[in-house]
Amino acid sequence: MIPAGYLLKRVVAPPEYLADAQLTEVCSVADCVNDDVVDVQEAWEHNGFGVANDAAQLWRMAAEAGADVEAATLFYYEV
């Protein structure tokens, strides 16, 4: 596995079109269901995988933006 990086995401219940008795939450890389707490691509602070290189970078960006991180989950990705 190759380390890809980090994203701060909000884990959510599945939308109606994905509703299933066994599916309780969505943890996607894309922001079509789970929004990103910090948009690293918009800030041009992303790597070649489109994610942040380290968690501290995301927490710093969230603090600078005044983002609500109470319900945020830090995700680490490998490819």
Protein backbone atom coordinates (compact mmCIF):
# COMPACT_ATOMS: atom_id res chain seq x y z
CA MET A 1 0.00 0.00 0.00
CA ILE A 2 1.08 3.55 -0.76
CA PRO A 3 0.24 6.31 1.75
CA ALA A 4 -2.11 8.80 0.07
CA GLY A 5 -2.98 11.27 2.83
CA TYR A 6 -5.73 12.66 5.04
CA LEU A 7 -9.16 14.28 4.90
CA LEU A 8 -11.44 15.65 7.61
CA LYS A 9 -14.93 14.36 6.85
CA ARG A 10 -18.38 14.35 8.41
CA VAL A 11 -19.73 10.80 8.58
CA VAL A 12 -23.45 10.80 7.80
CA ALA A 13 -26.43 8.50 7.60
CA PRO A 14 -27.02 7.13 4.10
CA PRO A 15 -29.24 9.18 1.81
CA GLU A 16 -32.60 7.67 0.93
CA TYR A 17 -31.39 6.19 -2.36
CA LEU A 18 -28.75 4.20 -0.43
CA ALA A 19 -30.96 3.31 2.51
CA ASP A 20 -30.60 -0.31 3.55
CA ALA A 21 -31.19 -2.14 6.83
CA GLN A 22 -27.49 -3.02 7.05
CA LEU A 23 -26.04 0.32 5.92
CA THR A 24 -25.81 2.70 8.87
CA GLU A 25 -23.28 5.33 7.79
CA VAL A 26 -21.41 6.57 4.74
CA CYS A 27 -17.66 7.15 4.86
CA SER A 28 -16.78 8.19 1.31
CA VAL A 29 -13.67 9.82 -0.10
CA ALA A 30 -15.82 11.94 -2.42
CA ASP A 31 -17.86 14.83 -1.07
CA CYS A 32 -21.11 13.92 -2.84
CA VAL A 33 -22.47 12.35 0.39
CA ASN A 34 -19.89 13.28 3.03
CA ASP A 35 -18.77 16.86 2.96
CA ASP A 36 -15.17 17.79 3.58
CA VAL A 37 -14.66 19.94 6.67
CA VAL A 38 -11.74 21.62 4.87
CA ASP A 39 -11.47 21.82 1.10
CA VAL A 40 -7.76 21.13 0.57
CA GLN A 41 -8.08 21.31 -3.20
CA GLU A 42 -9.68 24.76 -3.17
CA ALA A 43 -6.88 25.97 -0.89
CA TRP A 44 -4.25 24.37 -3.16
CA GLU A 45 -2.85 22.45 -0.20
CA HIS A 46 -3.36 18.96 -1.61
CA ASN A 47 -0.98 16.34 -2.93
CA GLY A 48 -1.21 14.30 -6.14
CA PHE A 49 -4.02 12.21 -4.66
CA GLY A 50 -6.14 15.29 -3.87
CA VAL A 51 -5.78 14.94 -0.10
CA ALA A 52 -3.61 16.54 2.60
CA ASN A 53 -0.16 15.17 3.37
CA ASP A 54 -0.59 15.32 7.13
CA ALA A 55 -3.30 15.62 9.75
CA ALA A 56 -1.79 18.73 11.37
CA GLN A 57 -2.25 20.58 8.08
CA LEU A 58 -5.99 19.82 8.10
CA TRP A 59 -6.48 20.84 11.73
CA ARG A 60 -4.59 24.11 11.05
CA MET A 61 -6.73 24.84 7.98
CA ALA A 62 -9.93 24.08 9.89
CA ALA A 63 -8.90 26.42 12.71
CA GLU A 64 -7.98 29.20 10.27
CA ALA A 65 -11.34 28.82 8.52
CA GLY A 66 -13.29 28.69 11.78
CA ALA A 67 -14.75 25.35 10.70
CA ASP A 68 -16.94 23.33 13.05
CA VAL A 69 -14.84 20.22 13.76
CA GLU A 70 -16.96 18.78 16.58
CA ALA A 71 -18.52 16.09 14.38
CA ALA A 72 -15.49 15.70 12.12
CA THR A 73 -13.63 12.44 11.65
CA LEU A 74 -10.05 12.26 10.46
CA PHE A 75 -9.57 9.73 7.66
CA TYR A 76 -6.27 8.33 6.44
CA TYR A 77 -6.13 6.83 2.95
CA GLU A 78 -3.81 4.40 1.22
CA VAL A 79 -3.84 3.27 -2.40
